[in-house]
Amino acid sequence: MARRDWLHRRIGIPVLILPPDRTLTLASIVFDRLSGYTPRMSSPPEIISSTSNPLIKSLRSLERKKGRAETGLFLAEGARLVEQGLSAGWALDSLVVSASSAERSFVRDLVARASKSGTRTVQVTDRLAGQIARKDNPQAVIGAFRQTAPELSDLDVPKSSLWVALYEVRDPGNLGTILRTADCAGISGVLLIGQCCDPYSVEAVRASMGSIFDIPFARSSFEEFNTWRTGEGLSMFAASVNGTVRHIEADMTAPSIILMGNEQAGLPDEVEAKCDTLCLIPMRGGADSLNLAQATAIMTYEAWRQRGFA
């Protein structure tokens, strides 16, 4: 009688006979069979533990603008953000998972999905994951995505479009927060005018909470932008201390652009002169200004309210 048949008769279940170099005790076989145990996924194709590995060096360089410019990549931290990027059709160049989280079901699923699309998947020590993310407690998953660089001419302009334009915004936290706000309010897109900070910086991507993958955006000079917006028939409203009408009284129901200025200097006179309406957000108390992201949210939600939140 074959050994497999003998074991089958003795314990009443089929038994897999492993090669000599891979043995299991009879007790473990029975336990696995009766408990419905599914063997754990093997580790990702590559295991990296050295900081001198070329991939690790490349990923660590993405904290700096130079590294992002040279590679054309940017980092997104966390399984939800990586999954959001993949679902939105962004190209995932490489996927890193920390050793302590590699066997979590959602991580295994994400690794399998990324691998099918040809993404390089690696497992690293928790220490290396922290060095890549520059955080003591990094996310379980870190993805390196390909940047996109759409032009104004690439943007789709709906008939009832509402846009946000940012003039030389310098704080990546503000930029990321504005992308998130614009996404929540269904804004058609965000336009970055002049010397704005990098939307692909780690800080901006974190603050966007994944909205960078969903909200269209483009970069241009002010001259290019103004030519484009007049050609598209878009009215331009700017929040300004020189405003002549309260923001709630400005009619932003037509296809429009909300223009917001630099955190410190606001908008230069020549730019304000090109606007159709300068809006004033009322304030009281000792503060002389609002945070840029807050002011943008106030303008954006007022325009959305005027459209019936539709």
C-alpha atoms as a PDB file:
ATOM      1  CA  MET A   1       0.000   0.000   0.000  1.00  0.00           C
ATOM      2  CA  ALA A   2       1.375   3.444  -0.941  1.00  0.00           C
ATOM      3  CA  ARG A   3       2.305   5.699   1.942  1.00  0.00           C
ATOM      4  CA  ARG A   4      -0.241   8.346   0.805  1.00  0.00           C
ATOM      5  CA  ASP A   5      -3.081   5.774   0.842  1.00  0.00           C
ATOM      6  CA  TRP A   6      -1.980   4.435   4.241  1.00  0.00           C
ATOM      7  CA  LEU A   7      -2.078   7.933   5.776  1.00  0.00           C
ATOM      8  CA  HIS A   8      -5.396   8.634   4.100  1.00  0.00           C
ATOM      9  CA  ARG A   9      -6.907   5.514   5.662  1.00  0.00           C
ATOM     10  CA  ARG A  10      -5.394   6.247   9.084  1.00  0.00           C
ATOM     11  CA  ILE A  11      -6.566   9.893   9.440  1.00  0.00           C
ATOM     12  CA  GLY A  12      -9.422  10.010   6.945  1.00  0.00           C
ATOM     13  CA  ILE A  13      -8.126  12.956   4.872  1.00  0.00           C
ATOM     14  CA  PRO A  14      -5.865  13.304   1.841  1.00  0.00           C
ATOM     15  CA  VAL A  15      -2.236  13.972   2.706  1.00  0.00           C
ATOM     16  CA  LEU A  16       0.411  15.676   0.600  1.00  0.00           C
ATOM     17  CA  ILE A  17       3.794  13.914   0.736  1.00  0.00           C
ATOM     18  CA  LEU A  18       6.504  16.575   0.577  1.00  0.00           C
ATOM     19  CA  PRO A  19      10.011  16.191  -0.883  1.00  0.00           C
ATOM     20  CA  PRO A  20      12.745  15.158   1.567  1.00  0.00           C
ATOM     21  CA  ASP A  21      13.917  18.738   2.043  1.00  0.00           C
ATOM     22  CA  ARG A  22      10.424  19.915   3.091  1.00  0.00           C
ATOM     23  CA  THR A  23       8.823  17.844   5.845  1.00  0.00           C
ATOM     24  CA  LEU A  24       5.821  18.436   8.060  1.00  0.00           C
ATOM     25  CA  THR A  25       4.782  16.496  11.122  1.00  0.00           C
ATOM     26  CA  LEU A  26       1.636  14.433  10.914  1.00  0.00           C
ATOM     27  CA  ALA A  27       0.107  16.606  13.619  1.00  0.00           C
ATOM     28  CA  SER A  28       0.690  19.800  11.635  1.00  0.00           C
ATOM     29  CA  ILE A  29      -0.834  18.255   8.518  1.00  0.00           C
ATOM     30  CA  VAL A  30      -3.959  17.263  10.433  1.00  0.00           C
ATOM     31  CA  PHE A  31      -4.214  20.704  12.083  1.00  0.00           C
ATOM     32  CA  ASP A  32      -3.827  22.545   8.803  1.00  0.00           C
ATOM     33  CA  ARG A  33      -6.449  20.392   7.119  1.00  0.00           C
ATOM     34  CA  LEU A  34      -9.018  20.585   9.886  1.00  0.00           C
ATOM     35  CA  SER A  35      -8.590  24.321  10.529  1.00  0.00           C
ATOM     36  CA  GLY A  36      -8.963  25.288   6.887  1.00  0.00           C
ATOM     37  CA  TYR A  37      -5.509  26.849   7.070  1.00  0.00           C
ATOM     38  CA  THR A  38      -4.242  28.541   3.910  1.00  0.00           C
ATOM     39  CA  PRO A  39      -0.459  28.675   3.519  1.00  0.00           C
ATOM     40  CA  ARG A  40       0.900  32.174   3.911  1.00  0.00           C
ATOM     41  CA  MET A  41       1.986  34.065   0.849  1.00  0.00           C
ATOM     42  CA  SER A  42       5.659  33.841   0.146  1.00  0.00           C
ATOM     43  CA  SER A  43       7.672  37.029   0.530  1.00  0.00           C
ATOM     44  CA  PRO A  44       7.706  39.525  -2.343  1.00  0.00           C
ATOM     45  CA  PRO A  45      10.116  38.608  -5.160  1.00  0.00           C
ATOM     46  CA  GLU A  46      12.935  40.703  -3.734  1.00  0.00           C
ATOM     47  CA  ILE A  47      14.135  41.114  -0.177  1.00  0.00           C
ATOM     48  CA  ILE A  48      16.386  44.117   0.444  1.00  0.00           C
ATOM     49  CA  SER A  49      18.131  44.885   3.702  1.00  0.00           C
ATOM     50  CA  SER A  50      20.990  47.176   2.671  1.00  0.00           C
ATOM     51  CA  THR A  51      20.893  50.964   2.500  1.00  0.00           C
ATOM     52  CA  SER A  52      23.464  50.794  -0.316  1.00  0.00           C
ATOM     53  CA  ASN A  53      21.037  49.019  -2.639  1.00  0.00           C
ATOM     54  CA  PRO A  54      20.478  51.181  -5.770  1.00  0.00           C
ATOM     55  CA  LEU A  55      16.702  51.041  -5.450  1.00  0.00           C
ATOM     56  CA  ILE A  56      16.804  52.160  -1.827  1.00  0.00           C
ATOM     57  CA  LYS A  57      19.132  55.022  -2.737  1.00  0.00           C
ATOM     58  CA  SER A  58      16.789  56.069  -5.534  1.00  0.00           C
ATOM     59  CA  LEU A  59      13.710  55.961  -3.308  1.00  0.00           C
ATOM     60  CA  ARG A  60      15.412  57.908  -0.532  1.00  0.00           C
ATOM     61  CA  SER A  61      16.367  60.597  -3.059  1.00  0.00           C
ATOM     62  CA  LEU A  62      12.692  61.287  -3.773  1.00  0.00           C
ATOM     63  CA  GLU A  63      12.462  63.377  -0.630  1.00  0.00           C
ATOM     64  CA  ARG A  64      14.433  66.018  -2.542  1.00  0.00           C
ATOM     65  CA  LYS A  65      13.198  67.944  -5.575  1.00  0.00           C
ATOM     66  CA  LYS A  66      16.385  67.086  -7.455  1.00  0.00           C
ATOM     67  CA  GLY A  67      15.804  63.366  -6.963  1.00  0.00           C
ATOM     68  CA  ARG A  68      12.205  63.652  -8.150  1.00  0.00           C
ATOM     69  CA  ALA A  69      13.277  65.644 -11.197  1.00  0.00           C
ATOM     70  CA  GLU A  70      16.019  63.176 -12.150  1.00  0.00           C
ATOM     71  CA  THR A  71      13.870  60.049 -11.761  1.00  0.00           C
ATOM     72  CA  GLY A  72      10.444  61.390 -12.695  1.00  0.00           C
ATOM     73  CA  LEU A  73       9.053  59.574  -9.648  1.00  0.00           C
ATOM     74  CA  PHE A  74       7.357  60.540  -6.387  1.00  0.00           C
ATOM     75  CA  LEU A  75       6.414  58.705  -3.200  1.00  0.00           C
ATOM     76  CA  ALA A  76       2.944  57.826  -1.939  1.00  0.00           C
ATOM     77  CA  GLU A  77       2.760  56.311   1.546  1.00  0.00           C
ATOM     78  CA  GLY A  78       0.127  53.886   2.765  1.00  0.00           C
ATOM     79  CA  ALA A  79      -1.873  51.082   1.195  1.00  0.00           C
ATOM     80  CA  ARG A  80      -4.938  53.276   0.667  1.00  0.00           C
ATOM     81  CA  LEU A  81      -3.017  55.924  -1.271  1.00  0.00           C
ATOM     82  CA  VAL A  82      -1.188  53.335  -3.371  1.00  0.00           C
ATOM     83  CA  GLU A  83      -4.443  51.558  -4.164  1.00  0.00           C
ATOM     84  CA  GLN A  84      -6.050  54.888  -5.019  1.00  0.00           C
ATOM     85  CA  GLY A  85      -3.228  55.714  -7.427  1.00  0.00           C
ATOM     86  CA  LEU A  86      -3.494  52.351  -9.139  1.00  0.00           C
ATOM     87  CA  SER A  87      -7.272  52.645  -9.446  1.00  0.00           C
ATOM     88  CA  ALA A  88      -6.887  56.116 -10.992  1.00  0.00           C
ATOM     89  CA  GLY A  89      -4.548  54.686 -13.628  1.00  0.00           C
ATOM     90  CA  TRP A  90      -1.246  56.128 -12.433  1.00  0.00           C
ATOM     91  CA  ALA A  91       1.886  54.126 -13.284  1.00  0.00           C
ATOM     92  CA  LEU A  92       3.404  52.469 -10.205  1.00  0.00           C
ATOM     93  CA  ASP A  93       7.136  52.029 -10.753  1.00  0.00           C
ATOM     94  CA  SER A  94       7.991  50.166  -7.543  1.00  0.00           C
ATOM     95  CA  LEU A  95       6.236  49.001  -4.402  1.00  0.00           C
ATOM     96  CA  VAL A  96       7.927  48.606  -1.028  1.00  0.00           C
ATOM     97  CA  VAL A  97       6.416  46.703   1.908  1.00  0.00           C
ATOM     98  CA  SER A  98       7.853  46.507   5.401  1.00  0.00           C
ATOM     99  CA  ALA A  99       8.788  43.092   6.781  1.00  0.00           C
ATOM    100  CA  SER A 100       6.433  43.395   9.748  1.00  0.00           C
ATOM    101  CA  SER A 101       3.407  43.936   7.497  1.00  0.00           C
ATOM    102  CA  ALA A 102       4.221  41.674   4.539  1.00  0.00           C
ATOM    103  CA  GLU A 103       1.791  38.943   5.613  1.00  0.00           C
ATOM    104  CA  ARG A 104      -1.234  41.166   6.196  1.00  0.00           C
ATOM    105  CA  SER A 105      -4.007  40.235   3.815  1.00  0.00           C
ATOM    106  CA  PHE A 106      -4.490  43.710   2.349  1.00  0.00           C
ATOM    107  CA  VAL A 107      -0.747  44.026   1.764  1.00  0.00           C
ATOM    108  CA  ARG A 108      -0.620  40.630   0.049  1.00  0.00           C
ATOM    109  CA  ASP A 109      -3.525  41.636  -2.179  1.00  0.00           C
ATOM    110  CA  LEU A 110      -1.861  44.923  -3.087  1.00  0.00           C
ATOM    111  CA  VAL A 111       1.447  43.208  -3.857  1.00  0.00           C
ATOM    112  CA  ALA A 112      -0.339  40.719  -6.107  1.00  0.00           C
ATOM    113  CA  ARG A 113      -2.154  43.510  -7.917  1.00  0.00           C
ATOM    114  CA  ALA A 114       1.020  45.512  -8.428  1.00  0.00           C
ATOM    115  CA  SER A 115       2.969  42.487  -9.606  1.00  0.00           C
ATOM    116  CA  LYS A 116       0.394  41.727 -12.286  1.00  0.00           C
ATOM    117  CA  SER A 117       0.920  45.200 -13.745  1.00  0.00           C
ATOM    118  CA  GLY A 118       4.679  44.679 -13.953  1.00  0.00           C
ATOM    119  CA  THR A 119       5.581  46.739 -10.884  1.00  0.00           C
ATOM    120  CA  ARG A 120       8.793  45.893  -9.090  1.00  0.00           C
ATOM    121  CA  THR A 121       7.811  44.738  -5.591  1.00  0.00           C
ATOM    122  CA  VAL A 122      10.272  44.451  -2.721  1.00  0.00           C
ATOM    123  CA  GLN A 123      10.242  43.709   0.978  1.00  0.00           C
ATOM    124  CA  VAL A 124      12.500  45.701   3.264  1.00  0.00           C
ATOM    125  CA  THR A 125      13.246  45.820   6.948  1.00  0.00           C
ATOM    126  CA  ASP A 126      11.165  48.211   9.032  1.00  0.00           C
ATOM    127  CA  ARG A 127      14.286  50.292   9.566  1.00  0.00           C
ATOM    128  CA  LEU A 128      14.764  50.733   5.822  1.00  0.00           C
ATOM    129  CA  ALA A 129      11.091  51.592   5.351  1.00  0.00           C
ATOM    130  CA  GLY A 130      11.533  54.358   7.921  1.00  0.00           C
ATOM    131  CA  GLN A 131      14.588  55.678   6.109  1.00  0.00           C
ATOM    132  CA  ILE A 132      12.723  55.793   2.800  1.00  0.00           C
ATOM    133  CA  ALA A 133       9.743  57.624   4.314  1.00  0.00           C
ATOM    134  CA  ARG A 134      11.924  59.706   6.674  1.00  0.00           C
ATOM    135  CA  LYS A 135       9.600  58.748   9.532  1.00  0.00           C
ATOM    136  CA  ASP A 136      10.058  56.785  12.737  1.00  0.00           C
ATOM    137  CA  ASN A 137       6.763  54.973  12.216  1.00  0.00           C
ATOM    138  CA  PRO A 138       6.432  54.525   8.463  1.00  0.00           C
ATOM    139  CA  GLN A 139       3.403  53.189   6.644  1.00  0.00           C
ATOM    140  CA  ALA A 140       3.330  49.473   5.848  1.00  0.00           C
ATOM    141  CA  VAL A 141       3.375  50.216   2.115  1.00  0.00           C
ATOM    142  CA  ILE A 142       5.281  52.827   0.101  1.00  0.00           C
ATOM    143  CA  GLY A 143       4.794  53.279  -3.628  1.00  0.00           C
ATOM    144  CA  ALA A 144       6.928  55.150  -6.159  1.00  0.00           C
ATOM    145  CA  PHE A 145       4.681  56.490  -8.936  1.00  0.00           C
ATOM    146  CA  ARG A 146       5.518  58.073 -12.281  1.00  0.00           C
ATOM    147  CA  GLN A 147       4.876  61.806 -12.410  1.00  0.00           C
ATOM    148  CA  THR A 148       2.653  63.341 -15.056  1.00  0.00           C
ATOM    149  CA  ALA A 149       3.098  66.827 -16.507  1.00  0.00           C
ATOM    150  CA  PRO A 150      -0.121  67.857 -18.269  1.00  0.00           C
ATOM    151  CA  GLU A 151      -0.315  71.105 -20.204  1.00  0.00           C
ATOM    152  CA  LEU A 152      -3.223  73.532 -20.038  1.00  0.00           C
ATOM    153  CA  SER A 153      -4.250  72.368 -23.499  1.00  0.00           C
ATOM    154  CA  ASP A 154      -4.594  68.819 -22.155  1.00  0.00           C
ATOM    155  CA  LEU A 155      -7.306  69.795 -19.687  1.00  0.00           C
ATOM    156  CA  ASP A 156     -10.965  69.096 -20.332  1.00  0.00           C
ATOM    157  CA  VAL A 157     -13.075  72.203 -19.697  1.00  0.00           C
ATOM    158  CA  PRO A 158     -16.682  71.319 -18.803  1.00  0.00           C
ATOM    159  CA  LYS A 159     -19.441  73.822 -19.604  1.00  0.00           C
ATOM    160  CA  SER A 160     -20.088  74.577 -15.912  1.00  0.00           C
ATOM    161  CA  SER A 161     -16.463  74.277 -14.833  1.00  0.00           C
ATOM    162  CA  LEU A 162     -15.042  75.780 -11.669  1.00  0.00           C
ATOM    163  CA  TRP A 163     -11.261  75.926 -11.255  1.00  0.00           C
ATOM    164  CA  VAL A 164      -8.791  76.931  -8.558  1.00  0.00           C
ATOM    165  CA  ALA A 165      -5.585  78.701  -9.620  1.00  0.00           C
ATOM    166  CA  LEU A 166      -2.683  79.198  -7.214  1.00  0.00           C
ATOM    167  CA  TYR A 167      -0.184  81.978  -7.864  1.00  0.00           C
ATOM    168  CA  GLU A 168       3.335  81.117  -6.672  1.00  0.00           C
ATOM    169  CA  VAL A 169       2.233  79.104  -3.656  1.00  0.00           C
ATOM    170  CA  ARG A 170       5.317  78.063  -1.683  1.00  0.00           C
ATOM    171  CA  ASP A 171       4.070  75.833   1.148  1.00  0.00           C
ATOM    172  CA  PRO A 172       3.628  72.183   0.077  1.00  0.00           C
ATOM    173  CA  GLY A 173       1.332  71.550   3.035  1.00  0.00           C
ATOM    174  CA  ASN A 174      -0.996  74.283   1.808  1.00  0.00           C
ATOM    175  CA  LEU A 175      -0.855  72.946  -1.735  1.00  0.00           C
ATOM    176  CA  GLY A 176      -1.703  69.402  -0.678  1.00  0.00           C
ATOM    177  CA  THR A 177      -4.564  70.610   1.521  1.00  0.00           C
ATOM    178  CA  ILE A 178      -5.968  72.707  -1.333  1.00  0.00           C
ATOM    179  CA  LEU A 179      -5.835  69.701  -3.674  1.00  0.00           C
ATOM    180  CA  ARG A 180      -7.813  67.748  -1.085  1.00  0.00           C
ATOM    181  CA  THR A 181     -10.359  70.564  -0.645  1.00  0.00           C
ATOM    182  CA  ALA A 182     -10.742  70.959  -4.406  1.00  0.00           C
ATOM    183  CA  ASP A 183     -11.333  67.239  -4.748  1.00  0.00           C
ATOM    184  CA  CYS A 184     -13.988  67.272  -2.021  1.00  0.00           C
ATOM    185  CA  ALA A 185     -15.806  70.185  -3.682  1.00  0.00           C
ATOM    186  CA  GLY A 186     -15.719  68.650  -7.164  1.00  0.00           C
ATOM    187  CA  ILE A 187     -13.470  71.351  -8.609  1.00  0.00           C
ATOM    188  CA  SER A 188     -12.595  70.844 -12.293  1.00  0.00           C
ATOM    189  CA  GLY A 189      -8.874  71.181 -11.620  1.00  0.00           C
ATOM    190  CA  VAL A 190      -6.099  73.097  -9.878  1.00  0.00           C
ATOM    191  CA  LEU A 191      -3.755  75.316 -11.886  1.00  0.00           C
ATOM    192  CA  LEU A 192      -0.283  76.132 -10.571  1.00  0.00           C
ATOM    193  CA  ILE A 193       0.897  79.514 -11.768  1.00  0.00           C
ATOM    194  CA  GLY A 194       4.520  80.692 -11.802  1.00  0.00           C
ATOM    195  CA  GLN A 195       7.054  79.423  -9.262  1.00  0.00           C
ATOM    196  CA  CYS A 196       4.798  77.188  -7.186  1.00  0.00           C
ATOM    197  CA  CYS A 197       6.134  74.489  -4.884  1.00  0.00           C
ATOM    198  CA  ASP A 198       6.302  70.922  -6.147  1.00  0.00           C
ATOM    199  CA  PRO A 199       2.956  69.077  -5.950  1.00  0.00           C
ATOM    200  CA  TYR A 200       4.927  65.811  -5.926  1.00  0.00           C
ATOM    201  CA  SER A 201       6.862  66.628  -2.775  1.00  0.00           C
ATOM    202  CA  VAL A 202       6.384  64.201   0.107  1.00  0.00           C
ATOM    203  CA  GLU A 203       4.675  66.901   2.170  1.00  0.00           C
ATOM    204  CA  ALA A 204       2.217  67.877  -0.578  1.00  0.00           C
ATOM    205  CA  VAL A 205       1.304  64.269  -1.371  1.00  0.00           C
ATOM    206  CA  ARG A 206       0.749  63.509   2.323  1.00  0.00           C
ATOM    207  CA  ALA A 207      -1.440  66.586   2.799  1.00  0.00           C
ATOM    208  CA  SER A 208      -3.498  65.767  -0.296  1.00  0.00           C
ATOM    209  CA  MET A 209      -4.538  62.437   1.281  1.00  0.00           C
ATOM    210  CA  GLY A 210      -4.639  60.838  -2.167  1.00  0.00           C
ATOM    211  CA  SER A 211      -6.424  63.671  -3.970  1.00  0.00           C
ATOM    212  CA  ILE A 212      -3.311  64.231  -6.067  1.00  0.00           C
ATOM    213  CA  PHE A 213      -4.388  61.113  -7.975  1.00  0.00           C
ATOM    214  CA  ASP A 214      -7.938  62.343  -8.584  1.00  0.00           C
ATOM    215  CA  ILE A 215      -7.842  66.106  -9.159  1.00  0.00           C
ATOM    216  CA  PRO A 216      -6.482  67.318 -12.539  1.00  0.00           C
ATOM    217  CA  PHE A 217      -3.733  69.920 -12.318  1.00  0.00           C
ATOM    218  CA  ALA A 218      -1.324  71.702 -14.641  1.00  0.00           C
ATOM    219  CA  ARG A 219       1.509  74.207 -14.380  1.00  0.00           C
ATOM    220  CA  SER A 220       2.092  77.316 -16.489  1.00  0.00           C
ATOM    221  CA  SER A 221       3.219  80.927 -16.489  1.00  0.00           C
ATOM    222  CA  PHE A 222       0.631  83.585 -15.700  1.00  0.00           C
ATOM    223  CA  GLU A 223       0.665  84.814 -19.285  1.00  0.00           C
ATOM    224  CA  GLU A 224      -0.052  81.333 -20.659  1.00  0.00           C
ATOM    225  CA  PHE A 225      -2.712  80.784 -18.024  1.00  0.00           C
ATOM    226  CA  ASN A 226      -4.505  84.076 -18.687  1.00  0.00           C
ATOM    227  CA  THR A 227      -4.512  83.470 -22.437  1.00  0.00           C
ATOM    228  CA  TRP A 228      -5.949  80.002 -21.868  1.00  0.00           C
ATOM    229  CA  ARG A 229      -8.676  81.095 -19.448  1.00  0.00           C
ATOM    230  CA  THR A 230      -9.871  84.006 -21.661  1.00  0.00           C
ATOM    231  CA  GLY A 231      -9.931  81.657 -24.636  1.00  0.00           C
ATOM    232  CA  GLU A 232     -12.110  79.270 -22.633  1.00  0.00           C
ATOM    233  CA  GLY A 233     -14.425  82.066 -21.533  1.00  0.00           C
ATOM    234  CA  LEU A 234     -13.691  81.678 -17.818  1.00  0.00           C
ATOM    235  CA  SER A 235     -14.324  84.567 -15.409  1.00  0.00           C
ATOM    236  CA  MET A 236     -11.636  85.097 -12.779  1.00  0.00           C
ATOM    237  CA  PHE A 237     -12.328  85.871  -9.122  1.00  0.00           C
ATOM    238  CA  ALA A 238      -9.486  86.580  -6.716  1.00  0.00           C
ATOM    239  CA  ALA A 239      -9.468  86.797  -2.944  1.00  0.00           C
ATOM    240  CA  SER A 240      -7.661  90.006  -2.033  1.00  0.00           C
ATOM    241  CA  VAL A 241      -7.287  92.582   0.714  1.00  0.00           C
ATOM    242  CA  ASN A 242      -8.115  95.038  -2.074  1.00  0.00           C
ATOM    243  CA  GLY A 243     -11.443  93.335  -2.670  1.00  0.00           C
ATOM    244  CA  THR A 244     -14.419  95.526  -3.522  1.00  0.00           C
ATOM    245  CA  VAL A 245     -17.164  92.942  -2.967  1.00  0.00           C
ATOM    246  CA  ARG A 246     -17.677  90.330  -0.293  1.00  0.00           C
ATOM    247  CA  HIS A 247     -17.052  86.816  -1.483  1.00  0.00           C
ATOM    248  CA  ILE A 248     -20.652  85.795  -0.765  1.00  0.00           C
ATOM    249  CA  GLU A 249     -21.907  88.593  -3.033  1.00  0.00           C
ATOM    250  CA  ALA A 250     -19.761  87.729  -6.041  1.00  0.00           C
ATOM    251  CA  ASP A 251     -21.684  85.731  -8.640  1.00  0.00           C
ATOM    252  CA  MET A 252     -19.529  82.684  -9.369  1.00  0.00           C
ATOM    253  CA  THR A 253     -22.236  80.569 -11.005  1.00  0.00           C
ATOM    254  CA  ALA A 254     -20.832  80.994 -14.525  1.00  0.00           C
ATOM    255  CA  PRO A 255     -17.726  79.032 -15.636  1.00  0.00           C
ATOM    256  CA  SER A 256     -15.086  80.533 -13.362  1.00  0.00           C
ATOM    257  CA  ILE A 257     -11.619  80.440 -11.868  1.00  0.00           C
ATOM    258  CA  ILE A 258     -10.832  81.258  -8.248  1.00  0.00           C
ATOM    259  CA  LEU A 259      -7.347  82.770  -8.091  1.00  0.00           C
ATOM    260  CA  MET A 260      -5.415  82.672  -4.815  1.00  0.00           C
ATOM    261  CA  GLY A 261      -2.115  84.416  -4.160  1.00  0.00           C
ATOM    262  CA  ASN A 262       1.183  83.709  -2.482  1.00  0.00           C
ATOM    263  CA  GLU A 263       1.121  83.092   1.291  1.00  0.00           C
ATOM    264  CA  GLN A 264       3.168  86.182   2.131  1.00  0.00           C
ATOM    265  CA  ALA A 265       2.812  88.603  -0.781  1.00  0.00           C
ATOM    266  CA  GLY A 266      -0.631  87.767  -2.129  1.00  0.00           C
ATOM    267  CA  LEU A 267      -1.160  88.760  -5.769  1.00  0.00           C
ATOM    268  CA  PRO A 268       0.881  91.432  -7.553  1.00  0.00           C
ATOM    269  CA  ASP A 269      -0.969  94.497  -8.836  1.00  0.00           C
ATOM    270  CA  GLU A 270      -0.576  93.522 -12.487  1.00  0.00           C
ATOM    271  CA  VAL A 271      -2.188  90.140 -11.810  1.00  0.00           C
ATOM    272  CA  GLU A 272      -5.082  91.627  -9.841  1.00  0.00           C
ATOM    273  CA  ALA A 273      -5.661  94.011 -12.751  1.00  0.00           C
ATOM    274  CA  LYS A 274      -6.431  91.008 -14.979  1.00  0.00           C
ATOM    275  CA  CYS A 275      -9.137  89.691 -12.637  1.00  0.00           C
ATOM    276  CA  ASP A 276     -12.818  90.241 -13.293  1.00  0.00           C
ATOM    277  CA  THR A 277     -13.696  90.554  -9.591  1.00  0.00           C
ATOM    278  CA  LEU A 278     -11.638  91.063  -6.428  1.00  0.00           C
ATOM    279  CA  CYS A 279     -13.364  89.445  -3.464  1.00  0.00           C
ATOM    280  CA  LEU A 280     -12.965  90.351   0.187  1.00  0.00           C
ATOM    281  CA  ILE A 281     -13.364  87.691   2.875  1.00  0.00           C
ATOM    282  CA  PRO A 282     -14.543  89.534   6.019  1.00  0.00           C
ATOM    283  CA  MET A 283     -12.483  89.149   9.186  1.00  0.00           C
ATOM    284  CA  ARG A 284     -12.585  90.472  12.722  1.00  0.00           C
ATOM    285  CA  GLY A 285     -10.302  90.172  15.714  1.00  0.00           C
ATOM    286  CA  GLY A 286      -6.564  90.564  15.943  1.00  0.00           C
ATOM    287  CA  ALA A 287      -5.537  88.367  13.004  1.00  0.00           C
ATOM    288  CA  ASP A 288      -4.838  90.251   9.797  1.00  0.00           C
ATOM    289  CA  SER A 289      -5.079  87.300   7.419  1.00  0.00           C
ATOM    290  CA  LEU A 290      -6.296  83.751   6.922  1.00  0.00           C
ATOM    291  CA  ASN A 291      -4.186  80.729   6.146  1.00  0.00           C
ATOM    292  CA  LEU A 292      -4.089  80.227   2.362  1.00  0.00           C
ATOM    293  CA  ALA A 293      -5.671  76.776   2.481  1.00  0.00           C
ATOM    294  CA  GLN A 294      -8.466  78.096   4.723  1.00  0.00           C
ATOM    295  CA  ALA A 295      -9.144  81.087   2.486  1.00  0.00           C
ATOM    296  CA  THR A 296      -9.210  78.847  -0.583  1.00  0.00           C
ATOM    297  CA  ALA A 297     -11.692  76.531   1.110  1.00  0.00           C
ATOM    298  CA  ILE A 298     -13.960  79.488   1.969  1.00  0.00           C
ATOM    299  CA  MET A 299     -13.934  80.743  -1.627  1.00  0.00           C
ATOM    300  CA  THR A 300     -14.353  77.272  -3.088  1.00  0.00           C
ATOM    301  CA  TYR A 301     -17.260  76.249  -0.926  1.00  0.00           C
ATOM    302  CA  GLU A 302     -19.021  79.573  -1.484  1.00  0.00           C
ATOM    303  CA  ALA A 303     -18.809  79.053  -5.250  1.00  0.00           C
ATOM    304  CA  TRP A 304     -20.062  75.481  -4.822  1.00  0.00           C
ATOM    305  CA  ARG A 305     -22.903  76.679  -2.559  1.00  0.00           C
ATOM    306  CA  GLN A 306     -24.000  79.132  -5.242  1.00  0.00           C
ATOM    307  CA  ARG A 307     -24.263  76.184  -7.616  1.00  0.00           C
ATOM    308  CA  GLY A 308     -26.528  74.325  -5.213  1.00  0.00           C
ATOM    309  CA  PHE A 309     -23.719  71.956  -4.182  1.00  0.00           C
ATOM    310  CA  ALA A 310     -24.277  70.204  -7.494  1.00  0.00           C
END
